[in-house]
């Protein structure tokens, strides 16, 4: 198995979990926050998708789906165009709301498809290419892709936990 096949499998697992956590939920559940400083399912899925969109597009020299395919307009959030949610205060988390889970999964699927296209083009030597020199040591494409994969899996796991909390409080 080649490294790109492992990455494709890993990113496919994120997609499966995003759909599983969002499926069947209405806006009240998607936007619910277990406490005033906690993240909602909406915010977590939006954030993990924005990070993947931003980081993968940057690493491969692509346009982000957020702006290039007008997902920013569809979401209609009162946030700067390049905002990915990093460092959001509880007040900013509260601004990230949706009326339908289809918006979240639609955006994720668009980003996922662009990620898969980029991953399919990889050769083993490409993973060594430096994509970010702001760190010491500089970040290679392989490290960046694993970092996004890890971050996204953590956030979708958090969203699943929130979904479980909402289910337990509804009983």
N, C-alpha and C. Protein backbone atom coordinates (compact mmCIF):
# COMPACT_ATOMS: atom_id res chain seq x y z
N UNK A 1 0.85 -1.18 0.00
CA UNK A 1 0.00 0.00 0.00
C UNK A 1 0.89 1.24 0.00
N UNK A 2 0.55 2.21 -0.82
CA UNK A 2 1.30 3.45 -0.92
C UNK A 2 0.80 4.46 0.11
N UNK A 3 1.67 5.39 0.47
CA UNK A 3 1.31 6.41 1.46
C UNK A 3 0.06 7.18 1.03
N UNK A 4 -0.06 7.49 -0.27
CA UNK A 4 -1.24 8.25 -0.70
C UNK A 4 -2.51 7.45 -0.49
N UNK A 5 -2.43 6.12 -0.61
CA UNK A 5 -3.61 5.29 -0.38
C UNK A 5 -4.02 5.30 1.10
N UNK A 6 -3.04 5.34 1.97
CA UNK A 6 -3.33 5.43 3.41
C UNK A 6 -3.98 6.79 3.71
N UNK A 7 -3.46 7.85 3.12
CA UNK A 7 -4.04 9.18 3.32
C UNK A 7 -5.47 9.25 2.77
N UNK A 8 -5.68 8.68 1.59
CA UNK A 8 -7.03 8.67 1.01
C UNK A 8 -7.99 7.92 1.92
N UNK A 9 -7.55 6.80 2.46
CA UNK A 9 -8.39 6.05 3.40
C UNK A 9 -8.69 6.88 4.65
N UNK A 10 -7.67 7.51 5.19
CA UNK A 10 -7.85 8.32 6.40
C UNK A 10 -8.82 9.47 6.18
N UNK A 11 -8.67 10.18 5.09
CA UNK A 11 -9.58 11.29 4.81
C UNK A 11 -10.99 10.78 4.51
N UNK A 12 -11.10 9.59 3.96
CA UNK A 12 -12.42 8.98 3.76
C UNK A 12 -13.12 8.69 5.08
N UNK A 13 -12.35 8.36 6.09
CA UNK A 13 -12.93 8.11 7.42
C UNK A 13 -13.49 9.39 8.04
N UNK A 14 -12.82 10.51 7.78
CA UNK A 14 -13.36 11.79 8.26
C UNK A 14 -14.73 12.01 7.64
N UNK A 15 -14.83 11.81 6.33
CA UNK A 15 -16.10 12.03 5.63
C UNK A 15 -17.20 11.15 6.22
N UNK A 16 -16.90 9.88 6.43
CA UNK A 16 -17.89 8.97 7.01
C UNK A 16 -18.38 9.48 8.36
N UNK A 17 -17.46 9.93 9.20
CA UNK A 17 -17.82 10.39 10.54
C UNK A 17 -18.58 11.72 10.50
N UNK A 18 -18.21 12.61 9.59
CA UNK A 18 -18.95 13.87 9.45
C UNK A 18 -20.40 13.58 9.12
N UNK A 19 -20.63 12.71 8.15
CA UNK A 19 -22.00 12.37 7.77
C UNK A 19 -22.74 11.69 8.92
N UNK A 20 -22.06 10.80 9.62
CA UNK A 20 -22.71 10.08 10.73
C UNK A 20 -23.12 11.03 11.85
N UNK A 21 -22.30 12.01 12.14
CA UNK A 21 -22.60 12.90 13.27
C UNK A 21 -23.68 13.92 12.91
N UNK A 22 -23.80 14.29 11.65
CA UNK A 22 -24.76 15.31 11.23
C UNK A 22 -26.12 14.70 10.85
N UNK A 23 -26.10 13.50 10.32
CA UNK A 23 -27.31 12.87 9.78
C UNK A 23 -28.45 12.82 10.79
N UNK A 24 -29.62 13.27 10.33
CA UNK A 24 -30.83 13.18 11.14
C UNK A 24 -31.02 14.28 12.15
N UNK A 25 -30.09 15.22 12.23
CA UNK A 25 -30.22 16.30 13.21
C UNK A 25 -30.81 17.55 12.57
N UNK A 26 -31.70 18.19 13.29
CA UNK A 26 -32.25 19.46 12.86
C UNK A 26 -31.41 20.61 13.37
N UNK A 27 -31.79 21.83 13.00
CA UNK A 27 -30.99 22.99 13.40
C UNK A 27 -30.84 23.17 14.90
N UNK A 28 -31.86 22.84 15.68
CA UNK A 28 -31.74 23.01 17.14
C UNK A 28 -30.61 22.16 17.70
N UNK A 29 -30.54 20.90 17.28
CA UNK A 29 -29.49 20.01 17.77
C UNK A 29 -28.13 20.39 17.20
N UNK A 30 -28.08 20.71 15.91
CA UNK A 30 -26.81 21.06 15.29
C UNK A 30 -26.18 22.29 15.94
N UNK A 31 -27.00 23.25 16.30
CA UNK A 31 -26.50 24.52 16.83
C UNK A 31 -26.44 24.57 18.35
N UNK A 32 -26.92 23.52 19.02
CA UNK A 32 -26.91 23.48 20.50
C UNK A 32 -25.48 23.42 21.02
N UNK A 33 -25.26 24.11 22.13
CA UNK A 33 -23.97 24.09 22.80
C UNK A 33 -24.19 23.58 24.21
N UNK A 34 -23.48 22.53 24.61
CA UNK A 34 -23.69 21.95 25.94
C UNK A 34 -23.51 22.95 27.09
N UNK A 35 -22.71 23.98 26.86
CA UNK A 35 -22.56 25.08 27.83
C UNK A 35 -22.19 26.33 27.05
N UNK A 36 -22.17 27.45 27.72
CA UNK A 36 -21.92 28.72 27.07
C UNK A 36 -20.55 28.87 26.44
N UNK A 37 -19.60 28.07 26.89
CA UNK A 37 -18.26 28.16 26.29
C UNK A 37 -17.89 26.91 25.50
N UNK A 38 -18.87 26.04 25.24
CA UNK A 38 -18.63 24.82 24.47
C UNK A 38 -18.94 25.04 22.99
N UNK A 39 -18.43 24.17 22.16
CA UNK A 39 -18.66 24.23 20.72
C UNK A 39 -19.87 23.39 20.34
N UNK A 40 -20.59 23.86 19.34
CA UNK A 40 -21.72 23.10 18.80
C UNK A 40 -21.22 22.12 17.73
N UNK A 41 -22.07 21.19 17.36
CA UNK A 41 -21.77 20.29 16.25
C UNK A 41 -21.53 21.12 14.99
N UNK A 42 -22.37 22.12 14.77
CA UNK A 42 -22.20 22.99 13.60
C UNK A 42 -20.82 23.60 13.59
N UNK A 43 -20.42 24.22 14.70
CA UNK A 43 -19.13 24.88 14.72
C UNK A 43 -18.00 23.87 14.50
N UNK A 44 -18.06 22.73 15.15
CA UNK A 44 -16.99 21.73 15.02
C UNK A 44 -16.85 21.23 13.59
N UNK A 45 -17.96 20.92 12.94
CA UNK A 45 -17.90 20.41 11.56
C UNK A 45 -17.48 21.54 10.61
N UNK A 46 -18.02 22.74 10.81
CA UNK A 46 -17.61 23.88 9.98
C UNK A 46 -16.11 24.11 10.13
N UNK A 47 -15.63 24.14 11.35
CA UNK A 47 -14.22 24.41 11.63
C UNK A 47 -13.31 23.34 11.02
N UNK A 48 -13.61 22.08 11.22
CA UNK A 48 -12.73 21.05 10.68
C UNK A 48 -12.72 21.10 9.15
N UNK A 49 -13.84 21.48 8.56
CA UNK A 49 -13.91 21.60 7.11
C UNK A 49 -13.13 22.82 6.64
N UNK A 50 -13.26 23.93 7.35
CA UNK A 50 -12.49 25.13 6.98
C UNK A 50 -11.00 24.88 7.08
N UNK A 51 -10.56 24.19 8.13
CA UNK A 51 -9.13 23.90 8.28
C UNK A 51 -8.65 23.02 7.13
N UNK A 52 -9.39 21.97 6.82
CA UNK A 52 -8.99 21.10 5.71
C UNK A 52 -8.96 21.89 4.41
N UNK A 53 -9.99 22.67 4.15
CA UNK A 53 -10.06 23.48 2.94
C UNK A 53 -8.86 24.42 2.85
N UNK A 54 -8.61 25.16 3.91
CA UNK A 54 -7.52 26.14 3.95
C UNK A 54 -6.15 25.48 3.80
N UNK A 55 -5.88 24.47 4.59
CA UNK A 55 -4.54 23.89 4.62
C UNK A 55 -4.22 23.06 3.38
N UNK A 56 -5.18 22.27 2.92
CA UNK A 56 -4.92 21.44 1.73
C UNK A 56 -4.82 22.31 0.49
N UNK A 57 -5.72 23.29 0.36
CA UNK A 57 -5.65 24.19 -0.79
C UNK A 57 -4.30 24.91 -0.81
N UNK A 58 -3.87 25.42 0.33
CA UNK A 58 -2.58 26.11 0.40
C UNK A 58 -1.43 25.19 0.02
N UNK A 59 -1.43 23.98 0.54
CA UNK A 59 -0.33 23.04 0.30
C UNK A 59 -0.23 22.61 -1.16
N UNK A 60 -1.36 22.61 -1.86
CA UNK A 60 -1.37 22.18 -3.25
C UNK A 60 -1.52 23.34 -4.24
N UNK A 61 -1.55 24.57 -3.74
CA UNK A 61 -1.69 25.73 -4.63
C UNK A 61 -3.06 25.81 -5.30
N UNK A 62 -4.11 25.44 -4.56
CA UNK A 62 -5.48 25.43 -5.08
C UNK A 62 -6.28 26.57 -4.46
N UNK A 63 -7.40 26.89 -5.09
CA UNK A 63 -8.34 27.83 -4.50
C UNK A 63 -9.17 27.09 -3.46
N UNK A 64 -9.49 27.77 -2.38
CA UNK A 64 -10.36 27.17 -1.38
C UNK A 64 -11.78 27.07 -1.91
N UNK A 65 -12.44 25.98 -1.63
CA UNK A 65 -13.85 25.82 -2.00
C UNK A 65 -14.71 26.88 -1.31
N UNK A 66 -14.31 27.29 -0.11
CA UNK A 66 -15.06 28.28 0.67
C UNK A 66 -15.36 29.51 -0.16
N UNK A 67 -14.37 30.04 -0.84
CA UNK A 67 -14.58 31.25 -1.64
C UNK A 67 -14.79 30.94 -3.11
N UNK A 68 -14.06 29.99 -3.67
CA UNK A 68 -14.14 29.71 -5.11
C UNK A 68 -15.49 29.13 -5.52
N UNK A 69 -16.13 28.39 -4.61
CA UNK A 69 -17.44 27.78 -4.92
C UNK A 69 -18.56 28.39 -4.08
N UNK A 70 -18.29 29.56 -3.55
CA UNK A 70 -19.24 30.39 -2.80
C UNK A 70 -19.89 29.69 -1.61
N UNK A 71 -19.17 28.81 -0.94
CA UNK A 71 -19.71 28.26 0.30
C UNK A 71 -19.80 29.37 1.35
N UNK A 72 -18.90 30.33 1.26
CA UNK A 72 -18.96 31.46 2.19
C UNK A 72 -20.31 32.17 2.06
N UNK A 73 -20.76 32.41 0.85
CA UNK A 73 -22.05 33.05 0.63
C UNK A 73 -23.21 32.19 1.07
N UNK A 74 -23.12 30.89 0.84
CA UNK A 74 -24.20 29.98 1.25
C UNK A 74 -24.35 29.93 2.77
N UNK A 75 -23.24 29.99 3.49
CA UNK A 75 -23.30 29.97 4.95
C UNK A 75 -23.76 31.33 5.49
N UNK A 76 -23.35 32.40 4.82
CA UNK A 76 -23.77 33.74 5.23
C UNK A 76 -23.34 34.12 6.64
N UNK A 77 -22.16 33.72 7.04
CA UNK A 77 -21.68 34.01 8.39
C UNK A 77 -21.08 35.41 8.47
N UNK A 78 -21.23 36.03 9.58
CA UNK A 78 -20.67 37.35 9.83
C UNK A 78 -19.24 37.19 10.35
N UNK A 79 -18.38 36.65 9.47
CA UNK A 79 -16.98 36.39 9.83
C UNK A 79 -16.10 36.77 8.64
N UNK A 80 -14.85 37.12 8.88
CA UNK A 80 -13.94 37.41 7.76
C UNK A 80 -13.80 36.21 6.83
N UNK A 81 -13.54 36.50 5.55
CA UNK A 81 -13.48 35.46 4.51
C UNK A 81 -12.47 34.36 4.83
N UNK A 82 -11.35 34.70 5.40
CA UNK A 82 -10.30 33.70 5.65
C UNK A 82 -10.41 33.04 7.02
N UNK A 83 -11.44 33.34 7.77
CA UNK A 83 -11.62 32.78 9.11
C UNK A 83 -11.83 31.26 9.03
N UNK A 84 -11.06 30.55 9.83
CA UNK A 84 -11.21 29.09 9.91
C UNK A 84 -11.73 28.64 11.27
N UNK A 85 -11.93 29.60 12.17
CA UNK A 85 -12.39 29.27 13.50
C UNK A 85 -11.29 29.15 14.53
N UNK A 86 -10.04 29.20 14.09
CA UNK A 86 -8.93 29.08 15.02
C UNK A 86 -8.98 30.22 16.03
N UNK A 87 -8.98 29.88 17.32
CA UNK A 87 -8.97 30.86 18.38
C UNK A 87 -10.29 31.57 18.61
N UNK A 88 -11.38 31.00 18.10
CA UNK A 88 -12.68 31.65 18.28
C UNK A 88 -13.07 31.75 19.75
N UNK A 89 -13.58 32.90 20.10
CA UNK A 89 -14.16 33.12 21.42
C UNK A 89 -15.55 32.48 21.44
N UNK A 90 -16.15 32.29 22.61
CA UNK A 90 -17.53 31.78 22.67
C UNK A 90 -18.51 32.62 21.85
N UNK A 91 -18.30 33.93 21.80
CA UNK A 91 -19.18 34.80 21.01
C UNK A 91 -19.07 34.51 19.52
N UNK A 92 -17.86 34.26 19.05
CA UNK A 92 -17.69 33.93 17.63
C UNK A 92 -18.22 32.53 17.33
N UNK A 93 -18.03 31.59 18.25
CA UNK A 93 -18.59 30.24 18.06
C UNK A 93 -20.10 30.35 17.88
N UNK A 94 -20.73 31.21 18.64
CA UNK A 94 -22.18 31.38 18.58
C UNK A 94 -22.65 31.91 17.24
N UNK A 95 -21.79 32.59 16.50
CA UNK A 95 -22.15 33.12 15.18
C UNK A 95 -22.24 32.04 14.11
N UNK A 96 -21.61 30.90 14.34
CA UNK A 96 -21.57 29.84 13.33
C UNK A 96 -22.76 28.93 13.54
N UNK A 97 -23.80 29.19 12.73
CA UNK A 97 -25.07 28.47 12.85
C UNK A 97 -25.54 28.07 11.45
N UNK A 98 -26.29 26.99 11.37
CA UNK A 98 -26.89 26.56 10.10
C UNK A 98 -28.36 26.23 10.31
N UNK A 99 -29.09 26.27 9.22
CA UNK A 99 -30.50 25.88 9.24
C UNK A 99 -30.70 24.43 8.82
N UNK A 100 -29.62 23.81 8.29
CA UNK A 100 -29.73 22.44 7.79
C UNK A 100 -28.37 21.76 7.83
N UNK A 101 -28.38 20.49 8.17
CA UNK A 101 -27.15 19.70 8.13
C UNK A 101 -26.64 19.52 6.71
N UNK A 102 -27.53 19.66 5.72
CA UNK A 102 -27.11 19.51 4.32
C UNK A 102 -26.06 20.56 3.94
N UNK A 103 -26.13 21.73 4.54
CA UNK A 103 -25.13 22.76 4.27
C UNK A 103 -23.76 22.31 4.77
N UNK A 104 -23.72 21.75 5.96
CA UNK A 104 -22.45 21.26 6.52
C UNK A 104 -21.88 20.11 5.71
N UNK A 105 -22.71 19.11 5.41
CA UNK A 105 -22.20 17.96 4.66
C UNK A 105 -21.89 18.33 3.21
N UNK A 106 -22.66 19.25 2.65
CA UNK A 106 -22.38 19.69 1.27
C UNK A 106 -21.02 20.36 1.18
N UNK A 107 -20.75 21.25 2.11
CA UNK A 107 -19.44 21.91 2.12
C UNK A 107 -18.34 20.89 2.39
N UNK A 108 -18.55 20.01 3.37
CA UNK A 108 -17.52 19.02 3.64
C UNK A 108 -17.25 18.16 2.39
N UNK A 109 -18.31 17.72 1.73
CA UNK A 109 -18.14 16.87 0.54
C UNK A 109 -17.37 17.58 -0.57
N UNK A 110 -17.62 18.88 -0.75
CA UNK A 110 -16.88 19.65 -1.76
C UNK A 110 -15.39 19.71 -1.42
N UNK A 111 -15.09 19.95 -0.16
CA UNK A 111 -13.69 20.00 0.29
C UNK A 111 -13.07 18.61 0.19
N UNK A 112 -13.81 17.60 0.59
CA UNK A 112 -13.31 16.22 0.53
C UNK A 112 -12.95 15.83 -0.90
N UNK A 113 -13.81 16.19 -1.85
CA UNK A 113 -13.57 15.84 -3.25
C UNK A 113 -12.30 16.54 -3.74
N UNK A 114 -12.11 17.80 -3.38
CA UNK A 114 -10.90 18.50 -3.79
C UNK A 114 -9.67 17.88 -3.13
N UNK A 115 -9.80 17.49 -1.87
CA UNK A 115 -8.69 16.82 -1.17
C UNK A 115 -8.33 15.51 -1.86
N UNK A 116 -9.35 14.71 -2.20
CA UNK A 116 -9.07 13.43 -2.87
C UNK A 116 -8.37 13.63 -4.21
N UNK A 117 -8.82 14.60 -4.98
CA UNK A 117 -8.17 14.88 -6.27
C UNK A 117 -6.70 15.21 -6.06
N UNK A 118 -6.42 16.02 -5.05
CA UNK A 118 -5.03 16.39 -4.77
C UNK A 118 -4.23 15.17 -4.31
N UNK A 119 -4.82 14.36 -3.44
CA UNK A 119 -4.10 13.18 -2.93
C UNK A 119 -3.83 12.16 -4.03
N UNK A 120 -4.76 11.99 -4.94
CA UNK A 120 -4.57 11.03 -6.04
C UNK A 120 -3.39 11.41 -6.93
N UNK A 121 -3.05 12.68 -6.97
CA UNK A 121 -1.95 13.15 -7.83
C UNK A 121 -0.58 12.97 -7.19
N UNK A 122 -0.54 12.56 -5.93
CA UNK A 122 0.73 12.49 -5.19
C UNK A 122 1.66 11.39 -5.66
N UNK A 123 2.93 11.73 -5.68
CA UNK A 123 4.01 10.74 -5.78
C UNK A 123 4.71 10.74 -4.42
N UNK A 124 5.36 9.66 -4.09
CA UNK A 124 6.00 9.53 -2.77
C UNK A 124 6.93 10.71 -2.47
N UNK A 125 7.69 11.16 -3.46
CA UNK A 125 8.64 12.25 -3.24
C UNK A 125 7.95 13.57 -2.92
N UNK A 126 6.70 13.72 -3.36
CA UNK A 126 5.95 14.96 -3.09
C UNK A 126 5.75 15.19 -1.59
N UNK A 127 5.66 14.12 -0.82
CA UNK A 127 5.40 14.24 0.61
C UNK A 127 6.53 14.93 1.36
N UNK A 128 7.72 14.99 0.75
CA UNK A 128 8.87 15.63 1.37
C UNK A 128 8.93 17.14 1.09
N UNK A 129 8.13 17.61 0.14
CA UNK A 129 8.15 19.02 -0.25
C UNK A 129 7.77 19.90 0.95
N UNK A 130 8.53 20.95 1.18
CA UNK A 130 8.25 21.88 2.28
C UNK A 130 7.10 22.79 1.85
N UNK A 131 6.08 22.86 2.72
CA UNK A 131 4.90 23.68 2.42
C UNK A 131 4.74 24.85 3.38
N UNK A 132 5.51 24.85 4.47
CA UNK A 132 5.38 25.93 5.45
C UNK A 132 6.71 26.10 6.17
N UNK A 133 7.35 27.21 5.91
CA UNK A 133 8.66 27.48 6.51
C UNK A 133 8.57 28.32 7.78
N UNK A 134 7.36 28.58 8.25
CA UNK A 134 7.20 29.39 9.47
C UNK A 134 7.50 28.59 10.72
N UNK A 135 7.72 27.30 10.61
CA UNK A 135 7.97 26.43 11.77
C UNK A 135 9.40 25.95 11.75
N UNK A 136 9.89 25.50 12.90
CA UNK A 136 11.22 24.92 13.00
C UNK A 136 11.09 23.54 13.64
N UNK A 137 11.23 22.48 12.90
CA UNK A 137 11.64 22.45 11.50
C UNK A 137 10.48 22.82 10.55
N UNK A 138 10.83 23.19 9.32
CA UNK A 138 9.80 23.49 8.33
C UNK A 138 8.88 22.29 8.12
N UNK A 139 7.63 22.58 7.75
CA UNK A 139 6.60 21.54 7.62
C UNK A 139 6.57 21.00 6.19
N UNK A 140 6.69 19.68 6.09
CA UNK A 140 6.59 19.02 4.78
C UNK A 140 5.13 18.76 4.44
N UNK A 141 4.86 18.48 3.18
CA UNK A 141 3.51 18.16 2.75
C UNK A 141 2.98 16.95 3.50
N UNK A 142 3.80 15.92 3.68
CA UNK A 142 3.36 14.74 4.42
C UNK A 142 2.96 15.06 5.84
N UNK A 143 3.76 15.86 6.53
CA UNK A 143 3.44 16.25 7.90
C UNK A 143 2.16 17.08 7.93
N UNK A 144 2.00 18.01 6.99
CA UNK A 144 0.81 18.86 6.96
C UNK A 144 -0.45 18.00 6.74
N UNK A 145 -0.38 17.04 5.83
CA UNK A 145 -1.55 16.20 5.56
C UNK A 145 -1.93 15.34 6.76
N UNK A 146 -0.95 14.82 7.47
CA UNK A 146 -1.23 14.03 8.67
C UNK A 146 -1.75 14.93 9.79
N UNK A 147 -1.22 16.13 9.89
CA UNK A 147 -1.68 17.07 10.90
C UNK A 147 -3.16 17.42 10.69
N UNK A 148 -3.56 17.71 9.46
CA UNK A 148 -4.96 18.02 9.16
C UNK A 148 -5.83 16.80 9.43
N UNK A 149 -5.37 15.63 9.04
CA UNK A 149 -6.11 14.40 9.28
C UNK A 149 -6.35 14.20 10.78
N UNK A 150 -5.32 14.38 11.57
CA UNK A 150 -5.43 14.23 13.02
C UNK A 150 -6.38 15.25 13.61
N UNK A 151 -6.23 16.51 13.24
CA UNK A 151 -7.07 17.59 13.75
C UNK A 151 -8.54 17.34 13.41
N UNK A 152 -8.79 16.97 12.17
CA UNK A 152 -10.17 16.72 11.73
C UNK A 152 -10.80 15.54 12.46
N UNK A 153 -10.04 14.47 12.66
CA UNK A 153 -10.59 13.32 13.39
C UNK A 153 -10.89 13.69 14.84
N UNK A 154 -10.04 14.51 15.45
CA UNK A 154 -10.32 14.94 16.82
C UNK A 154 -11.61 15.76 16.89
N UNK A 155 -11.78 16.68 15.95
CA UNK A 155 -12.97 17.53 15.97
C UNK A 155 -14.25 16.77 15.64
N UNK A 156 -14.18 15.83 14.73
CA UNK A 156 -15.39 15.06 14.44
C UNK A 156 -15.72 14.15 15.62
N UNK A 157 -14.70 13.70 16.34
CA UNK A 157 -14.94 12.94 17.57
C UNK A 157 -15.59 13.81 18.63
N UNK A 158 -15.17 15.06 18.72
CA UNK A 158 -15.80 15.98 19.66
C UNK A 158 -17.26 16.21 19.28
N UNK A 159 -17.53 16.34 17.98
CA UNK A 159 -18.91 16.53 17.51
C UNK A 159 -19.77 15.31 17.85
N UNK A 160 -19.20 14.12 17.71
CA UNK A 160 -19.94 12.90 18.07
C UNK A 160 -20.23 12.88 19.57
N UNK A 161 -19.29 13.35 20.37
CA UNK A 161 -19.49 13.43 21.80
C UNK A 161 -20.63 14.40 22.14
N UNK A 162 -20.62 15.56 21.49
CA UNK A 162 -21.71 16.53 21.71
C UNK A 162 -23.05 15.91 21.31
N UNK A 163 -23.05 15.20 20.19
CA UNK A 163 -24.29 14.53 19.77
C UNK A 163 -24.75 13.55 20.85
N UNK A 164 -23.83 12.81 21.41
CA UNK A 164 -24.18 11.88 22.50
C UNK A 164 -24.71 12.60 23.72
N UNK A 165 -24.10 13.72 24.07
CA UNK A 165 -24.60 14.51 25.20
C UNK A 165 -26.02 14.99 24.95
N UNK A 166 -26.28 15.46 23.74
CA UNK A 166 -27.63 15.95 23.40
C UNK A 166 -28.64 14.82 23.49
N UNK A 167 -28.23 13.64 23.06
CA UNK A 167 -29.13 12.48 23.14
C UNK A 167 -29.43 12.09 24.57
N UNK A 168 -28.41 12.20 25.42
CA UNK A 168 -28.61 11.79 26.82
C UNK A 168 -29.45 12.81 27.59
N UNK A 169 -29.40 14.09 27.18
CA UNK A 169 -30.21 15.09 27.88
C UNK A 169 -31.64 15.09 27.37
N UNK A 170 -31.87 14.51 26.18
CA UNK A 170 -33.23 14.45 25.63
C UNK A 170 -34.04 13.33 26.27
N UNK A 171 -33.35 12.36 26.85
CA UNK A 171 -34.04 11.19 27.42
C UNK A 171 -34.71 11.51 28.74
